[in-house]
């Protein structure tokens, strides 16, 4: 989503900004948000964890976490009633086009941060799993410090940034690790396999432009394609693609759906 937006939004100026739903705001008011955005130039579009980060010429950052049902898009045509139905925030762009944040169930969050607040915000998040600095030792430091189930630890944004439920399920299956296994008990071999699996799953999902199970769209409004490559997520009750065992889904690990193979992911 961010890769598409960066191409279309970098260097553009927001005009006629409209906030249609204020319940997504955190730590700012509608008046402050609109006054800051109007006439402001988007200097950079990037990502931190699950957040799209818009660095503005004023020094502020608008941080949008789309959540499960949010989309960030640039429309080059006039918005029809169907497209406008779930609009939360929109801004006309100088030279044509409209930047739109749509959210069907409004599970997302919008923040406006000055430089000091942004520094505190990003420092509270864990390392990026695709960063060159995130090696096996870095993963080990994050996981050895907790007795939580490894799946729950992976999804803790303070430990590792950006890993959601789908990719945690997939990486643990690929690494052959029981999702309920205490994180601090992973040995060197398991940590190495998990590190490789995390990076591989995320890189493959990015290449496929994400996973569309329902509402997710890319920054150009297209569906992602990684849902066709999922090996365990959403396949509870079906046969394991590796060994044929029937996959099991539980909500006991972290309150989220966890699908795994008893045979392929059993503890040694």
Protein backbone atom coordinates (compact mmCIF):
# COMPACT_ATOMS: atom_id res chain seq x y z
CA UNK A 1 0.00 0.00 0.00
CA UNK A 2 2.73 2.45 0.98
CA UNK A 3 4.86 1.63 -2.05
CA UNK A 4 1.97 2.59 -4.32
CA UNK A 5 1.17 5.74 -2.34
CA UNK A 6 4.78 6.94 -2.27
CA UNK A 7 4.86 7.05 -6.04
CA UNK A 8 1.65 9.09 -6.28
CA UNK A 9 1.86 11.33 -3.20
CA UNK A 10 5.48 12.35 -2.68
CA UNK A 11 5.84 16.05 -3.38
CA UNK A 12 2.10 16.64 -3.69
CA UNK A 13 0.23 19.30 -1.73
CA UNK A 14 -3.02 18.58 0.10
CA UNK A 15 -5.87 20.99 -0.51
CA UNK A 16 -9.52 21.09 0.56
CA UNK A 17 -8.97 18.49 3.26
CA UNK A 18 -12.16 16.97 4.66
CA UNK A 19 -12.57 14.77 7.75
CA UNK A 20 -15.86 12.89 7.61
CA UNK A 21 -15.44 10.62 10.64
CA UNK A 22 -13.59 11.96 13.69
CA UNK A 23 -13.74 8.79 15.82
CA UNK A 24 -10.52 7.51 14.24
CA UNK A 25 -8.45 10.39 15.66
CA UNK A 26 -6.09 9.80 18.57
CA UNK A 27 -4.26 12.57 20.42
CA UNK A 28 -5.42 15.36 18.14
CA UNK A 29 -8.57 17.29 17.35
CA UNK A 30 -10.36 17.63 14.00
CA UNK A 31 -9.54 21.34 13.94
CA UNK A 32 -5.81 20.80 14.53
CA UNK A 33 -5.59 17.99 11.98
CA UNK A 34 -7.36 19.92 9.24
CA UNK A 35 -5.46 23.14 9.91
CA UNK A 36 -2.12 21.28 9.73
CA UNK A 37 -2.89 19.28 6.60
CA UNK A 38 -4.46 22.01 4.49
CA UNK A 39 -1.84 23.43 2.11
CA UNK A 40 0.86 21.14 3.49
CA UNK A 41 3.18 19.26 1.15
CA UNK A 42 3.81 15.54 1.55
CA UNK A 43 7.60 15.26 1.69
CA UNK A 44 7.78 11.48 2.13
CA UNK A 45 5.54 8.44 2.44
CA UNK A 46 6.97 5.51 4.39
CA UNK A 47 5.98 2.67 6.68
CA UNK A 48 6.68 1.89 10.32
CA UNK A 49 5.27 -1.37 11.68
CA UNK A 50 1.64 -1.50 10.43
CA UNK A 51 1.43 2.27 10.00
CA UNK A 52 1.60 4.46 6.91
CA UNK A 53 3.68 7.53 7.79
CA UNK A 54 3.24 10.78 5.88
CA UNK A 55 6.10 13.19 6.63
CA UNK A 56 4.91 16.71 5.93
CA UNK A 57 6.89 19.78 4.92
CA UNK A 58 5.85 21.41 8.20
CA UNK A 59 7.78 18.75 10.15
CA UNK A 60 4.65 16.96 11.34
CA UNK A 61 3.84 13.35 10.60
CA UNK A 62 0.38 12.03 9.93
CA UNK A 63 0.40 8.39 10.97
CA UNK A 64 -2.44 6.18 9.74
CA UNK A 65 -2.92 2.62 10.90
CA UNK A 66 -5.53 1.30 8.44
CA UNK A 67 -6.35 -1.76 10.54
CA UNK A 68 -8.15 -4.73 9.04
CA UNK A 69 -10.76 -2.79 7.06
CA UNK A 70 -9.00 0.41 5.99
CA UNK A 71 -7.71 1.42 2.57
CA UNK A 72 -5.43 4.28 1.53
CA UNK A 73 -5.88 5.21 -2.11
CA UNK A 74 -5.33 7.90 -4.69
CA UNK A 75 -8.34 8.40 -6.97
CA UNK A 76 -7.73 10.00 -10.35
CA UNK A 77 -11.43 10.20 -11.09
CA UNK A 78 -14.38 11.78 -9.35
CA UNK A 79 -15.53 9.72 -6.36
CA UNK A 80 -18.85 8.04 -7.06
CA UNK A 81 -21.35 7.30 -4.24
CA UNK A 82 -20.03 3.75 -3.79
CA UNK A 83 -16.42 4.94 -3.37
CA UNK A 84 -17.47 7.75 -1.04
CA UNK A 85 -19.57 5.53 1.22
CA UNK A 86 -16.84 4.66 3.72
CA UNK A 87 -14.57 7.69 3.34
CA UNK A 88 -13.00 8.86 6.61
CA UNK A 89 -10.52 11.44 5.30
CA UNK A 90 -9.97 12.93 1.85
CA UNK A 91 -7.74 15.61 0.40
CA UNK A 92 -7.62 17.11 -3.06
CA UNK A 93 -4.14 17.08 -4.54
CA UNK A 94 -2.67 19.95 -6.44
CA UNK A 95 -2.60 19.04 -10.12
CA UNK A 96 -5.43 16.51 -9.92
CA UNK A 97 -6.35 13.41 -7.96
CA UNK A 98 -7.78 12.83 -4.50
CA UNK A 99 -6.08 11.10 -1.58
CA UNK A 100 -8.65 9.03 0.34
CA UNK A 101 -8.64 7.02 3.55
CA UNK A 102 -11.62 4.65 3.52
CA UNK A 103 -12.50 2.35 6.41
CA UNK A 104 -15.53 0.06 6.28
CA UNK A 105 -15.69 -0.63 10.03
CA UNK A 106 -13.48 2.26 11.15
CA UNK A 107 -11.01 0.03 12.98
CA UNK A 108 -8.11 2.26 11.95
CA UNK A 109 -6.41 5.12 13.76
CA UNK A 110 -5.11 8.52 12.63
CA UNK A 111 -2.50 10.46 14.59
CA UNK A 112 -0.82 13.81 14.00
CA UNK A 113 2.62 13.99 15.62
CA UNK A 114 5.23 16.71 15.87
CA UNK A 115 8.87 15.71 15.69
CA UNK A 116 9.27 15.02 19.43
CA UNK A 117 6.07 12.97 19.59
CA UNK A 118 7.10 11.00 16.50
CA UNK A 119 10.47 10.18 18.06
CA UNK A 120 8.77 8.82 21.18
CA UNK A 121 6.28 6.93 19.08
CA UNK A 122 8.76 5.16 16.82
CA UNK A 123 11.19 4.41 19.63
CA UNK A 124 8.45 2.49 21.46
CA UNK A 125 8.16 0.07 18.53
CA UNK A 126 10.38 -2.94 17.96
CA UNK A 127 12.83 -3.46 15.10
CA UNK A 128 11.68 -3.96 11.52
CA UNK A 129 11.94 -7.64 10.50
CA UNK A 130 13.14 -6.79 6.97
CA UNK A 131 15.82 -4.37 8.14
CA UNK A 132 19.41 -5.48 7.36
CA UNK A 133 20.15 -5.06 11.06
CA UNK A 134 17.49 -7.59 12.04
CA UNK A 135 19.58 -10.75 12.12
CA UNK A 136 19.08 -13.96 14.10
CA UNK A 137 20.76 -12.42 17.14
CA UNK A 138 18.35 -9.47 17.07
CA UNK A 139 15.36 -11.83 16.94
CA UNK A 140 16.82 -13.87 19.80
CA UNK A 141 17.18 -10.76 21.98
CA UNK A 142 13.51 -9.94 21.50
CA UNK A 143 12.22 -13.46 22.16
CA UNK A 144 14.55 -14.63 24.91
CA UNK A 145 13.28 -11.81 27.14
CA UNK A 146 9.72 -13.12 27.38
CA UNK A 147 7.89 -16.23 28.52
CA UNK A 148 4.94 -15.49 26.26
CA UNK A 149 3.89 -17.97 23.59
CA UNK A 150 6.11 -17.37 20.59
CA UNK A 151 3.18 -16.39 18.36
CA UNK A 152 1.99 -13.77 20.83
CA UNK A 153 5.54 -12.44 21.20
CA UNK A 154 5.93 -12.12 17.41
CA UNK A 155 2.74 -10.04 17.23
CA UNK A 156 3.82 -7.75 20.07
CA UNK A 157 4.75 -4.58 18.17
CA UNK A 158 7.16 -3.59 20.94
CA UNK A 159 9.26 -6.68 20.19
CA UNK A 160 9.05 -6.97 16.41
CA UNK A 161 7.28 -4.34 14.33
CA UNK A 162 4.73 -5.11 11.64
CA UNK A 163 3.99 -8.82 12.03
CA UNK A 164 0.26 -9.54 12.06
CA UNK A 165 -1.77 -12.66 12.63
CA UNK A 166 -1.66 -13.98 9.07
CA UNK A 167 2.11 -13.81 8.71
CA UNK A 168 2.81 -15.06 12.25
CA UNK A 169 0.77 -18.20 11.45
CA UNK A 170 2.55 -18.71 8.16
CA UNK A 171 6.09 -18.13 9.45
CA UNK A 172 5.68 -20.47 12.43
CA UNK A 173 4.36 -23.22 10.17
CA UNK A 174 7.22 -22.77 7.75
CA UNK A 175 9.73 -22.86 10.63
CA UNK A 176 8.10 -25.97 12.15
CA UNK A 177 7.46 -24.30 15.52
CA UNK A 178 4.46 -24.83 17.80
CA UNK A 179 2.77 -21.38 18.15
CA UNK A 180 2.16 -21.98 21.87
CA UNK A 181 5.80 -22.76 22.65
CA UNK A 182 7.29 -20.26 25.17
CA UNK A 183 9.43 -17.80 23.24
CA UNK A 184 12.35 -17.98 25.65
CA UNK A 185 12.67 -21.73 25.09
CA UNK A 186 13.49 -21.56 21.40
CA UNK A 187 16.92 -23.01 20.75
CA UNK A 188 19.43 -21.73 18.22
CA UNK A 189 18.13 -23.93 15.44
CA UNK A 190 14.52 -22.86 15.95
CA UNK A 191 15.49 -19.18 16.08
CA UNK A 192 17.44 -19.50 12.84
CA UNK A 193 14.54 -21.24 11.09
CA UNK A 194 12.06 -18.67 12.39
CA UNK A 195 14.20 -15.74 11.30
CA UNK A 196 14.45 -17.13 7.78
CA UNK A 197 10.75 -17.98 7.65
CA UNK A 198 9.68 -14.53 8.81
CA UNK A 199 11.72 -12.75 6.18
CA UNK A 200 10.69 -15.17 3.43
CA UNK A 201 6.96 -14.91 4.19
CA UNK A 202 7.02 -11.12 4.41
CA UNK A 203 9.04 -10.73 1.21
CA UNK A 204 6.74 -13.10 -0.67
CA UNK A 205 3.64 -11.30 0.63
CA UNK A 206 5.07 -7.95 -0.44
CA UNK A 207 5.82 -9.31 -3.89
CA UNK A 208 2.19 -10.49 -4.09
CA UNK A 209 1.01 -7.03 -2.92
CA UNK A 210 -0.45 -8.31 0.33
CA UNK A 211 -3.28 -10.61 1.37
CA UNK A 212 -6.87 -9.79 0.50
CA UNK A 213 -9.31 -11.94 2.42
CA UNK A 214 -12.03 -9.29 2.50
CA UNK A 215 -11.38 -5.53 2.58
CA UNK A 216 -7.64 -5.00 2.02
CA UNK A 217 -6.64 -3.21 -1.18
CA UNK A 218 -3.34 -1.89 -2.48
CA UNK A 219 -2.67 1.82 -2.85
CA UNK A 220 -4.08 1.61 -6.37
CA UNK A 221 -7.27 -0.17 -5.31
CA UNK A 222 -6.27 -3.68 -6.43
CA UNK A 223 -6.66 -6.89 -4.45
CA UNK A 224 -3.54 -8.53 -3.07
CA UNK A 225 -2.54 -12.01 -4.19
CA UNK A 226 -0.88 -13.74 -1.24
CA UNK A 227 -4.14 -15.33 -0.08
CA UNK A 228 -3.57 -17.93 -2.78
CA UNK A 229 -0.23 -18.91 -1.21
CA UNK A 230 -1.38 -19.32 2.41
CA UNK A 231 -0.42 -22.71 3.80
CA UNK A 232 -2.22 -22.65 7.17
CA UNK A 233 -4.06 -19.38 7.86
CA UNK A 234 -7.78 -19.78 7.21
CA UNK A 235 -7.36 -23.50 6.41
CA UNK A 236 -8.45 -25.02 9.72
CA UNK A 237 -9.95 -28.49 9.18
CA UNK A 238 -8.22 -28.93 5.83
CA UNK A 239 -5.26 -31.20 5.14
CA UNK A 240 -1.72 -29.97 5.76
CA UNK A 241 -0.02 -29.32 2.44
CA UNK A 242 3.20 -30.83 3.77
CA UNK A 243 2.12 -34.02 5.55
CA UNK A 244 -1.62 -34.46 5.06
CA UNK A 245 -2.54 -34.14 8.75
CA UNK A 246 -5.77 -32.22 9.39
CA UNK A 247 -4.95 -28.64 10.42
CA UNK A 248 -6.26 -27.39 13.76
CA UNK A 249 -7.47 -23.88 14.63
CA UNK A 250 -7.48 -22.58 18.20
CA UNK A 251 -8.05 -19.23 19.91
CA UNK A 252 -6.18 -20.27 23.06
CA UNK A 253 -2.76 -18.82 22.20
CA UNK A 254 -3.51 -15.10 22.06
CA UNK A 255 -7.23 -14.73 21.48
CA UNK A 256 -6.68 -14.64 17.70
CA UNK A 257 -7.19 -17.53 15.32
CA UNK A 258 -4.13 -19.76 15.27
CA UNK A 259 -4.01 -22.54 12.68
CA UNK A 260 -1.23 -25.10 12.82
CA UNK A 261 -0.24 -28.67 12.04
CA UNK A 262 0.12 -31.03 15.01
CA UNK A 263 2.73 -33.08 13.15
CA UNK A 264 4.83 -30.48 11.34
CA UNK A 265 4.93 -28.06 14.29
CA UNK A 266 5.32 -30.47 17.20
CA UNK A 267 7.98 -29.73 19.80
CA UNK A 268 11.15 -31.81 19.49
